[in-house]
C-alpha atoms as a PDB file:
ATOM      1  CA  MET A   1       4.078 -32.505 -12.375  1.00  0.00           C
ATOM      2  CA  ASN A   2       3.691 -28.996 -11.734  1.00  0.00           C
ATOM      3  CA  ARG A   3       1.038 -27.760  -9.766  1.00  0.00           C
ATOM      4  CA  TYR A   4       0.181 -24.533 -11.183  1.00  0.00           C
ATOM      5  CA  ILE A   5      -3.283 -21.126 -10.094  1.00  0.00           C
ATOM      6  CA  ASP A   6      -5.196 -19.714 -13.124  1.00  0.00           C
ATOM      7  CA  THR A   7      -5.907 -16.497 -10.848  1.00  0.00           C
ATOM      8  CA  HIS A   8      -7.971 -15.195 -13.991  1.00  0.00           C
ATOM      9  CA  THR A   9     -10.098 -17.620 -16.139  1.00  0.00           C
ATOM     10  CA  HIS A  10     -13.146 -16.907 -17.688  1.00  0.00           C
ATOM     11  CA  LEU A  11     -14.460 -19.985 -18.004  1.00  0.00           C
ATOM     12  CA  TYR A  12     -18.140 -19.390 -17.173  1.00  0.00           C
ATOM     13  CA  ASP A  13     -18.164 -17.599 -20.444  1.00  0.00           C
ATOM     14  CA  GLU A  14     -20.512 -18.204 -23.262  1.00  0.00           C
ATOM     15  CA  ALA A  15     -17.327 -19.295 -25.341  1.00  0.00           C
ATOM     16  CA  PHE A  16     -17.659 -22.175 -23.226  1.00  0.00           C
ATOM     17  CA  ALA A  17     -21.235 -23.563 -22.887  1.00  0.00           C
ATOM     18  CA  GLY A  18     -21.590 -27.218 -22.545  1.00  0.00           C
ATOM     19  CA  GLU A  19     -17.943 -27.254 -22.377  1.00  0.00           C
ATOM     20  CA  GLU A  20     -17.384 -25.788 -18.747  1.00  0.00           C
ATOM     21  CA  ASP A  21     -16.664 -28.877 -16.723  1.00  0.00           C
ATOM     22  CA  ALA A  22     -14.848 -30.055 -19.857  1.00  0.00           C
ATOM     23  CA  ALA A  23     -12.739 -26.977 -19.818  1.00  0.00           C
ATOM     24  CA  VAL A  24     -11.842 -27.260 -15.703  1.00  0.00           C
ATOM     25  CA  GLU A  25     -10.999 -30.743 -16.073  1.00  0.00           C
ATOM     26  CA  ARG A  26      -8.271 -30.485 -18.350  1.00  0.00           C
ATOM     27  CA  ALA A  27      -7.139 -27.670 -16.567  1.00  0.00           C
ATOM     28  CA  VAL A  28      -6.657 -30.052 -13.583  1.00  0.00           C
ATOM     29  CA  LYS A  29      -5.652 -32.447 -15.746  1.00  0.00           C
ATOM     30  CA  ALA A  30      -2.420 -29.503 -17.075  1.00  0.00           C
ATOM     31  CA  GLY A  31      -1.783 -29.221 -13.715  1.00  0.00           C
ATOM     32  CA  VAL A  32      -3.373 -26.248 -12.990  1.00  0.00           C
ATOM     33  CA  VAL A  33      -5.456 -27.265 -10.008  1.00  0.00           C
ATOM     34  CA  LYS A  34      -7.146 -24.066  -9.166  1.00  0.00           C
ATOM     35  CA  LEU A  35      -8.966 -21.379 -10.880  1.00  0.00           C
ATOM     36  CA  ILE A  36     -10.008 -17.732  -9.614  1.00  0.00           C
ATOM     37  CA  LEU A  37     -13.255 -16.161 -11.428  1.00  0.00           C
ATOM     38  CA  PRO A  38     -13.223 -12.644 -11.849  1.00  0.00           C
ATOM     39  CA  ASP A  39     -16.527 -11.304 -12.347  1.00  0.00           C
ATOM     40  CA  ILE A  40     -18.092  -9.174 -14.883  1.00  0.00           C
ATOM     41  CA  ASP A  41     -21.208  -7.750 -14.122  1.00  0.00           C
ATOM     42  CA  SER A  42     -24.996  -9.503 -13.578  1.00  0.00           C
ATOM     43  CA  ALA A  43     -25.716 -10.931 -17.599  1.00  0.00           C
ATOM     44  CA  THR A  44     -22.369 -14.347 -16.506  1.00  0.00           C
ATOM     45  CA  ARG A  45     -22.538 -14.040 -12.354  1.00  0.00           C
ATOM     46  CA  GLU A  46     -25.016 -16.477 -12.459  1.00  0.00           C
ATOM     47  CA  GLU A  47     -23.173 -19.001 -14.515  1.00  0.00           C
ATOM     48  CA  MET A  48     -20.048 -18.287 -12.380  1.00  0.00           C
ATOM     49  CA  PHE A  49     -21.380 -18.625  -9.463  1.00  0.00           C
ATOM     50  CA  SER A  50     -22.411 -22.294 -10.915  1.00  0.00           C
ATOM     51  CA  LEU A  51     -19.547 -23.157 -12.503  1.00  0.00           C
ATOM     52  CA  ALA A  52     -17.948 -22.141  -8.854  1.00  0.00           C
ATOM     53  CA  ASP A  53     -20.355 -24.520  -6.722  1.00  0.00           C
ATOM     54  CA  ARG A  54     -19.720 -27.371  -8.834  1.00  0.00           C
ATOM     55  CA  HIS A  55     -16.233 -27.378  -8.829  1.00  0.00           C
ATOM     56  CA  GLU A  56     -15.577 -26.306  -4.875  1.00  0.00           C
ATOM     57  CA  GLY A  57     -12.195 -25.988  -4.592  1.00  0.00           C
ATOM     58  CA  THR A  58     -11.254 -25.584  -7.514  1.00  0.00           C
ATOM     59  CA  ALA A  59     -12.850 -22.452  -8.857  1.00  0.00           C
ATOM     60  CA  PHE A  60     -12.778 -19.639  -6.585  1.00  0.00           C
ATOM     61  CA  PRO A  61     -15.404 -16.714  -7.163  1.00  0.00           C
ATOM     62  CA  CYS A  62     -14.909 -13.240  -6.992  1.00  0.00           C
ATOM     63  CA  LEU A  63     -17.605  -9.735  -7.154  1.00  0.00           C
ATOM     64  CA  GLY A  64     -16.829  -7.312  -8.351  1.00  0.00           C
ATOM     65  CA  LEU A  65     -18.201  -4.032 -11.641  1.00  0.00           C
ATOM     66  CA  HIS A  66     -16.262  -4.463 -14.093  1.00  0.00           C
ATOM     67  CA  PRO A  67     -15.466  -1.108 -15.813  1.00  0.00           C
ATOM     68  CA  THR A  68     -17.068  -1.980 -19.033  1.00  0.00           C
ATOM     69  CA  SER A  69     -20.136  -2.367 -17.677  1.00  0.00           C
ATOM     70  CA  VAL A  70     -20.505   1.074 -15.744  1.00  0.00           C
ATOM     71  CA  ASN A  71     -22.404   3.312 -17.826  1.00  0.00           C
ATOM     72  CA  ALA A  72     -25.729   4.692 -17.160  1.00  0.00           C
ATOM     73  CA  GLY A  73     -27.447   2.560 -15.534  1.00  0.00           C
ATOM     74  CA  TRP A  74     -24.325   1.239 -13.232  1.00  0.00           C
ATOM     75  CA  LYS A  75     -25.841   2.390  -9.535  1.00  0.00           C
ATOM     76  CA  ASP A  76     -29.024  -0.772 -10.419  1.00  0.00           C
ATOM     77  CA  GLU A  77     -25.796  -2.933 -11.628  1.00  0.00           C
ATOM     78  CA  TYR A  78     -24.110  -1.833  -8.168  1.00  0.00           C
ATOM     79  CA  GLU A  79     -27.274  -3.008  -5.653  1.00  0.00           C
ATOM     80  CA  LYS A  80     -27.013  -5.795  -7.781  1.00  0.00           C
ATOM     81  CA  MET A  81     -23.424  -6.773  -6.924  1.00  0.00           C
ATOM     82  CA  LEU A  82     -23.977  -6.119  -2.869  1.00  0.00           C
ATOM     83  CA  GLY A  83     -26.786  -7.794  -2.953  1.00  0.00           C
ATOM     84  CA  LEU A  84     -24.294 -11.223  -2.948  1.00  0.00           C
ATOM     85  CA  THR A  85     -21.756  -9.620  -0.565  1.00  0.00           C
ATOM     86  CA  GLY A  86     -22.902 -12.414   2.021  1.00  0.00           C
ATOM     87  CA  ARG A  87     -21.673 -15.418  -0.496  1.00  0.00           C
ATOM     88  CA  LYS A  88     -18.174 -16.655  -0.077  1.00  0.00           C
ATOM     89  CA  ILE A  89     -16.148 -14.451  -2.324  1.00  0.00           C
ATOM     90  CA  TRP A  90     -12.165 -14.623  -2.483  1.00  0.00           C
ATOM     91  CA  ALA A  91     -11.323 -11.048  -4.283  1.00  0.00           C
ATOM     92  CA  ILE A  92     -13.206  -8.068  -5.361  1.00  0.00           C
ATOM     93  CA  GLY A  93     -12.707  -7.683  -8.898  1.00  0.00           C
ATOM     94  CA  GLU A  94     -12.426  -7.396 -12.056  1.00  0.00           C
ATOM     95  CA  ILE A  95     -13.032  -3.810 -11.244  1.00  0.00           C
ATOM     96  CA  GLY A  96     -10.637  -0.954 -12.598  1.00  0.00           C
ATOM     97  CA  LEU A  97     -10.486   2.126 -15.472  1.00  0.00           C
ATOM     98  CA  ASP A  98     -10.631   1.060 -19.109  1.00  0.00           C
ATOM     99  CA  CYS A  99     -10.537   4.655 -21.714  1.00  0.00           C
ATOM    100  CA  TYR A 100      -8.884   1.906 -24.384  1.00  0.00           C
ATOM    101  CA  TRP A 101     -13.372   1.238 -25.363  1.00  0.00           C
ATOM    102  CA  SER A 102     -14.444   4.115 -23.963  1.00  0.00           C
ATOM    103  CA  LYS A 103     -14.143   7.556 -22.135  1.00  0.00           C
ATOM    104  CA  ASP A 104     -17.816   8.514 -21.685  1.00  0.00           C
ATOM    105  CA  PHE A 105     -17.908   6.912 -18.112  1.00  0.00           C
ATOM    106  CA  LEU A 106     -14.535   7.449 -16.787  1.00  0.00           C
ATOM    107  CA  GLU A 107     -15.674   9.169 -13.886  1.00  0.00           C
ATOM    108  CA  ALA A 108     -18.395   6.947 -13.311  1.00  0.00           C
ATOM    109  CA  GLN A 109     -15.161   4.103 -13.685  1.00  0.00           C
ATOM    110  CA  LYS A 110     -13.739   6.449 -11.423  1.00  0.00           C
ATOM    111  CA  THR A 111     -16.605   6.617  -7.966  1.00  0.00           C
ATOM    112  CA  VAL A 112     -17.104   2.634  -9.087  1.00  0.00           C
ATOM    113  CA  LEU A 113     -13.988   2.119  -8.466  1.00  0.00           C
ATOM    114  CA  LYS A 114     -13.160   3.957  -5.435  1.00  0.00           C
ATOM    115  CA  MET A 115     -16.137   2.494  -3.608  1.00  0.00           C
ATOM    116  CA  GLN A 116     -15.373  -1.296  -4.751  1.00  0.00           C
ATOM    117  CA  LEU A 117     -11.920  -1.027  -2.951  1.00  0.00           C
ATOM    118  CA  GLY A 118     -14.050   0.764  -0.550  1.00  0.00           C
ATOM    119  CA  LEU A 119     -15.900  -2.700  -0.075  1.00  0.00           C
ATOM    120  CA  ALA A 120     -12.482  -4.893  -0.272  1.00  0.00           C
ATOM    121  CA  HIS A 121     -10.910  -2.799   2.216  1.00  0.00           C
ATOM    122  CA  GLU A 122     -14.329  -3.329   4.503  1.00  0.00           C
ATOM    123  CA  MET A 123     -14.186  -7.479   3.922  1.00  0.00           C
ATOM    124  CA  ASN A 124     -10.270  -7.922   4.448  1.00  0.00           C
ATOM    125  CA  LEU A 125      -9.942  -9.726   0.351  1.00  0.00           C
ATOM    126  CA  PRO A 126      -7.110  -8.473  -2.164  1.00  0.00           C
ATOM    127  CA  VAL A 127      -8.943  -6.276  -5.467  1.00  0.00           C
ATOM    128  CA  ILE A 128      -8.197  -7.716  -8.845  1.00  0.00           C
ATOM    129  CA  ILE A 129      -7.845  -4.496 -11.101  1.00  0.00           C
ATOM    130  CA  HIS A 130      -8.254  -4.274 -15.431  1.00  0.00           C
ATOM    131  CA  SER A 131      -6.519  -1.065 -16.377  1.00  0.00           C
ATOM    132  CA  ARG A 132      -6.480  -0.427 -20.192  1.00  0.00           C
ATOM    133  CA  GLU A 133      -5.078   3.027 -21.342  1.00  0.00           C
ATOM    134  CA  ALA A 134      -5.518   4.498 -18.071  1.00  0.00           C
ATOM    135  CA  VAL A 135      -2.559   4.783 -16.359  1.00  0.00           C
ATOM    136  CA  GLU A 136      -2.859   8.134 -14.442  1.00  0.00           C
ATOM    137  CA  PRO A 137      -6.187   7.993 -14.001  1.00  0.00           C
ATOM    138  CA  MET A 138      -5.273   4.596 -11.599  1.00  0.00           C
ATOM    139  CA  PHE A 139      -3.007   6.822  -9.877  1.00  0.00           C
ATOM    140  CA  GLU A 140      -5.482   9.173  -9.008  1.00  0.00           C
ATOM    141  CA  VAL A 141      -7.625   7.056  -7.593  1.00  0.00           C
ATOM    142  CA  LEU A 142      -5.071   4.966  -5.690  1.00  0.00           C
ATOM    143  CA  GLU A 143      -3.783   8.339  -3.918  1.00  0.00           C
ATOM    144  CA  GLN A 144      -7.274   8.755  -2.965  1.00  0.00           C
ATOM    145  CA  CYS A 145      -7.389   5.035  -1.730  1.00  0.00           C
ATOM    146  CA  ARG A 146      -3.621   4.732  -0.089  1.00  0.00           C
ATOM    147  CA  HIS A 147      -5.488   4.572   3.341  1.00  0.00           C
ATOM    148  CA  LEU A 148      -7.240   1.620   2.315  1.00  0.00           C
ATOM    149  CA  ASP A 149      -4.257  -1.183   3.135  1.00  0.00           C
ATOM    150  CA  LEU A 150      -4.825  -1.971  -0.589  1.00  0.00           C
ATOM    151  CA  ARG A 151      -3.439  -5.519  -2.175  1.00  0.00           C
ATOM    152  CA  GLY A 152      -4.304  -7.608  -5.137  1.00  0.00           C
ATOM    153  CA  VAL A 153      -3.224  -8.335  -8.545  1.00  0.00           C
ATOM    154  CA  PHE A 154      -2.967  -6.161 -11.485  1.00  0.00           C
ATOM    155  CA  HIS A 155      -4.448  -8.204 -14.597  1.00  0.00           C
ATOM    156  CA  ALA A 156      -2.563  -8.481 -17.278  1.00  0.00           C
ATOM    157  CA  PHE A 157       0.055  -5.914 -16.729  1.00  0.00           C
ATOM    158  CA  SER A 158       1.861  -4.553 -19.833  1.00  0.00           C
ATOM    159  CA  GLY A 159       2.967  -1.684 -18.124  1.00  0.00           C
ATOM    160  CA  SER A 160       6.786  -0.637 -17.234  1.00  0.00           C
ATOM    161  CA  ILE A 161       9.261  -1.552 -14.275  1.00  0.00           C
ATOM    162  CA  GLU A 162       8.778   2.192 -12.990  1.00  0.00           C
ATOM    163  CA  THR A 163       4.822   1.630 -13.345  1.00  0.00           C
ATOM    164  CA  TYR A 164       5.295  -1.844 -11.158  1.00  0.00           C
ATOM    165  CA  LEU A 165       7.124   0.309  -8.433  1.00  0.00           C
ATOM    166  CA  ARG A 166       5.305   2.971  -8.105  1.00  0.00           C
ATOM    167  CA  LEU A 167       2.546   0.961  -8.092  1.00  0.00           C
ATOM    168  CA  GLN A 168       4.288  -0.335  -4.815  1.00  0.00           C
ATOM    169  CA  LYS A 169       3.836   2.894  -3.232  1.00  0.00           C
ATOM    170  CA  TYR A 170       0.027   2.648  -2.828  1.00  0.00           C
ATOM    171  CA  GLY A 171      -0.445  -1.343  -1.829  1.00  0.00           C
ATOM    172  CA  SER A 172       0.986  -4.733  -2.343  1.00  0.00           C
ATOM    173  CA  TRP A 173       0.838  -5.700  -5.611  1.00  0.00           C
ATOM    174  CA  HIS A 174       1.596  -8.611  -7.925  1.00  0.00           C
ATOM    175  CA  ILE A 175       1.049  -8.506 -11.206  1.00  0.00           C
ATOM    176  CA  GLY A 176      -0.665 -11.105 -13.768  1.00  0.00           C
ATOM    177  CA  ILE A 177       1.203 -11.807 -16.691  1.00  0.00           C
ATOM    178  CA  GLY A 178      -0.868 -14.164 -19.505  1.00  0.00           C
ATOM    179  CA  GLY A 179      -0.754 -15.573 -22.806  1.00  0.00           C
ATOM    180  CA  VAL A 180       0.803 -12.745 -24.496  1.00  0.00           C
ATOM    181  CA  VAL A 181       4.388 -12.428 -22.752  1.00  0.00           C
ATOM    182  CA  THR A 182       4.731 -15.325 -25.644  1.00  0.00           C
ATOM    183  CA  TYR A 183       3.871 -12.901 -28.036  1.00  0.00           C
ATOM    184  CA  ARG A 184       6.128 -11.899 -30.480  1.00  0.00           C
ATOM    185  CA  ASN A 185       7.855  -8.433 -29.235  1.00  0.00           C
ATOM    186  CA  ALA A 186       5.876  -8.430 -26.546  1.00  0.00           C
ATOM    187  CA  SER A 187       6.944  -5.188 -24.938  1.00  0.00           C
ATOM    188  CA  ILE A 188       5.977  -6.477 -21.179  1.00  0.00           C
ATOM    189  CA  ALA A 189       8.743  -8.953 -21.375  1.00  0.00           C
ATOM    190  CA  GLU A 190      11.955  -6.339 -20.195  1.00  0.00           C
ATOM    191  CA  THR A 191       9.639  -5.555 -17.080  1.00  0.00           C
ATOM    192  CA  ILE A 192       9.122  -9.500 -16.406  1.00  0.00           C
ATOM    193  CA  LYS A 193      12.683  -9.486 -15.973  1.00  0.00           C
ATOM    194  CA  LYS A 194      13.119  -6.671 -12.978  1.00  0.00           C
ATOM    195  CA  VAL A 195       9.694  -7.905 -11.740  1.00  0.00           C
ATOM    196  CA  PRO A 196      10.709 -10.168  -8.770  1.00  0.00           C
ATOM    197  CA  LEU A 197       8.846 -13.547  -9.762  1.00  0.00           C
ATOM    198  CA  ASP A 198       7.241 -13.362  -6.269  1.00  0.00           C
ATOM    199  CA  ARG A 199       5.635 -10.546  -7.521  1.00  0.00           C
ATOM    200  CA  ILE A 200       4.695 -12.400 -10.462  1.00  0.00           C
ATOM    201  CA  VAL A 201       0.768 -14.549 -10.604  1.00  0.00           C
ATOM    202  CA  LEU A 202      -0.081 -16.722 -13.959  1.00  0.00           C
ATOM    203  CA  GLU A 203      -3.613 -16.229 -15.831  1.00  0.00           C
ATOM    204  CA  THR A 204      -5.189 -16.984 -19.349  1.00  0.00           C
ATOM    205  CA  ASP A 205      -8.052 -14.685 -19.430  1.00  0.00           C
ATOM    206  CA  SER A 206      -9.696 -17.409 -21.111  1.00  0.00           C
ATOM    207  CA  PRO A 207     -11.580 -17.476 -23.237  1.00  0.00           C
ATOM    208  CA  TYR A 208      -8.875 -14.371 -24.738  1.00  0.00           C
ATOM    209  CA  LEU A 209      -5.097 -13.657 -25.749  1.00  0.00           C
ATOM    210  CA  ALA A 210      -4.327 -17.565 -26.105  1.00  0.00           C
ATOM    211  CA  PRO A 211       0.011 -17.765 -26.050  1.00  0.00           C
ATOM    212  CA  VAL A 212       1.840 -19.159 -28.802  1.00  0.00           C
ATOM    213  CA  PRO A 213       1.203 -21.690 -30.867  1.00  0.00           C
ATOM    214  CA  LYS A 214      -2.171 -21.898 -29.422  1.00  0.00           C
ATOM    215  CA  ARG A 215      -2.778 -18.082 -30.535  1.00  0.00           C
ATOM    216  CA  GLY A 216      -5.873 -17.759 -32.774  1.00  0.00           C
ATOM    217  CA  THR A 217      -7.874 -19.847 -30.760  1.00  0.00           C
ATOM    218  CA  ARG A 218     -10.013 -20.071 -27.787  1.00  0.00           C
ATOM    219  CA  ASN A 219      -7.829 -20.100 -24.770  1.00  0.00           C
ATOM    220  CA  GLU A 220      -8.436 -21.903 -21.636  1.00  0.00           C
ATOM    221  CA  SER A 221      -6.719 -22.461 -18.227  1.00  0.00           C
ATOM    222  CA  GLY A 222      -5.167 -25.981 -19.415  1.00  0.00           C
ATOM    223  CA  PHE A 223      -2.413 -23.514 -21.267  1.00  0.00           C
ATOM    224  CA  ILE A 224      -0.877 -21.961 -18.178  1.00  0.00           C
ATOM    225  CA  PRO A 225       1.717 -24.366 -18.311  1.00  0.00           C
ATOM    226  CA  ILE A 226       2.846 -22.746 -21.638  1.00  0.00           C
ATOM    227  CA  ILE A 227       3.236 -19.144 -19.754  1.00  0.00           C
ATOM    228  CA  ALA A 228       4.742 -20.751 -17.131  1.00  0.00           C
ATOM    229  CA  GLU A 229       7.547 -21.822 -19.409  1.00  0.00           C
ATOM    230  CA  LYS A 230       7.731 -18.307 -21.408  1.00  0.00           C
ATOM    231  CA  VAL A 231       8.383 -16.540 -18.101  1.00  0.00           C
ATOM    232  CA  ALA A 232      11.188 -19.388 -16.761  1.00  0.00           C
ATOM    233  CA  GLU A 233      12.880 -19.252 -20.168  1.00  0.00           C
ATOM    234  CA  MET A 234      12.978 -15.489 -19.485  1.00  0.00           C
ATOM    235  CA  LYS A 235      13.484 -15.296 -16.230  1.00  0.00           C
ATOM    236  CA  GLY A 236      16.452 -17.536 -16.146  1.00  0.00           C
ATOM    237  CA  VAL A 237      14.819 -20.199 -13.867  1.00  0.00           C
ATOM    238  CA  THR A 238      13.277 -23.207 -13.969  1.00  0.00           C
ATOM    239  CA  ALA A 239      10.130 -24.031 -15.145  1.00  0.00           C
ATOM    240  CA  GLU A 240       9.445 -25.673 -11.540  1.00  0.00           C
ATOM    241  CA  GLU A 241      10.549 -22.877 -10.166  1.00  0.00           C
ATOM    242  CA  VAL A 242       7.956 -20.193 -11.818  1.00  0.00           C
ATOM    243  CA  ALA A 243       5.406 -22.895 -11.033  1.00  0.00           C
ATOM    244  CA  GLU A 244       6.313 -23.222  -7.181  1.00  0.00           C
ATOM    245  CA  VAL A 245       6.640 -19.845  -6.472  1.00  0.00           C
ATOM    246  CA  THR A 246       4.139 -18.296  -8.281  1.00  0.00           C
ATOM    247  CA  THR A 247       1.734 -20.886  -7.099  1.00  0.00           C
ATOM    248  CA  ALA A 248       2.997 -20.354  -3.742  1.00  0.00           C
ATOM    249  CA  GLY A 249       2.100 -16.351  -4.050  1.00  0.00           C
ATOM    250  CA  ALA A 250      -1.372 -16.950  -5.630  1.00  0.00           C
ATOM    251  CA  GLU A 251      -2.230 -19.176  -3.028  1.00  0.00           C
ATOM    252  CA  ALA A 252      -0.923 -16.350  -0.193  1.00  0.00           C
ATOM    253  CA  LEU A 253      -2.786 -13.617  -2.158  1.00  0.00           C
ATOM    254  CA  PHE A 254      -6.238 -14.971  -2.331  1.00  0.00           C
ATOM    255  CA  GLY A 255      -6.187 -17.414   0.917  1.00  0.00           C
ATOM    256  CA  ILE A 256      -7.068 -20.355  -1.338  1.00  0.00           C
END
């Protein structure tokens, strides 16, 4: 059986309430042997760490303040997050910029992102970046942080090959590919064909964005092989090669 890693899964989300452990077991049974758990904010952090503690060696927790959680009270949220940096974590994330839901706190989002990129540098950790309708603001921040020797993954990447290549000027970046790649007329298809396979990692973003033919249902980590099959088709390689290369890349990036 192929070995996969889900580099972005929220199995601790309330959508899995009471079923978290079963979802982990289904993932492992499907060959998804390691799960990266990105942080959002204090509302779900306890559930995330609890799930990771119950599945040590399979589930790997991260720490970060999501851009949609940056609001008027962000300083308190940030302090709560900093108070947990003594715990074993595997990345700073999910962090970034989101101009889709609101631009009201965009300047605060930029400030918080820069602070967290600095934290990742200090802790020698990769970052998990959320960037939604924020290409130019993101490059503005990356330009200001280019001295930090950044590495990580742009989660749910939907950009062009030109955007991917531009990113490489600001660090060592992978792109996270999930269920959207299976959707009809997915714009990411042409980019995937041109990005080296060893710069792609697989993700579900569960419980969101389930791949076809599961679209419209609750997504979960056990669906990673469906995504891998589609990537293999687009790249003209076997699913076994996709599994081998993306798993090795994720293990190296996150140190797992």
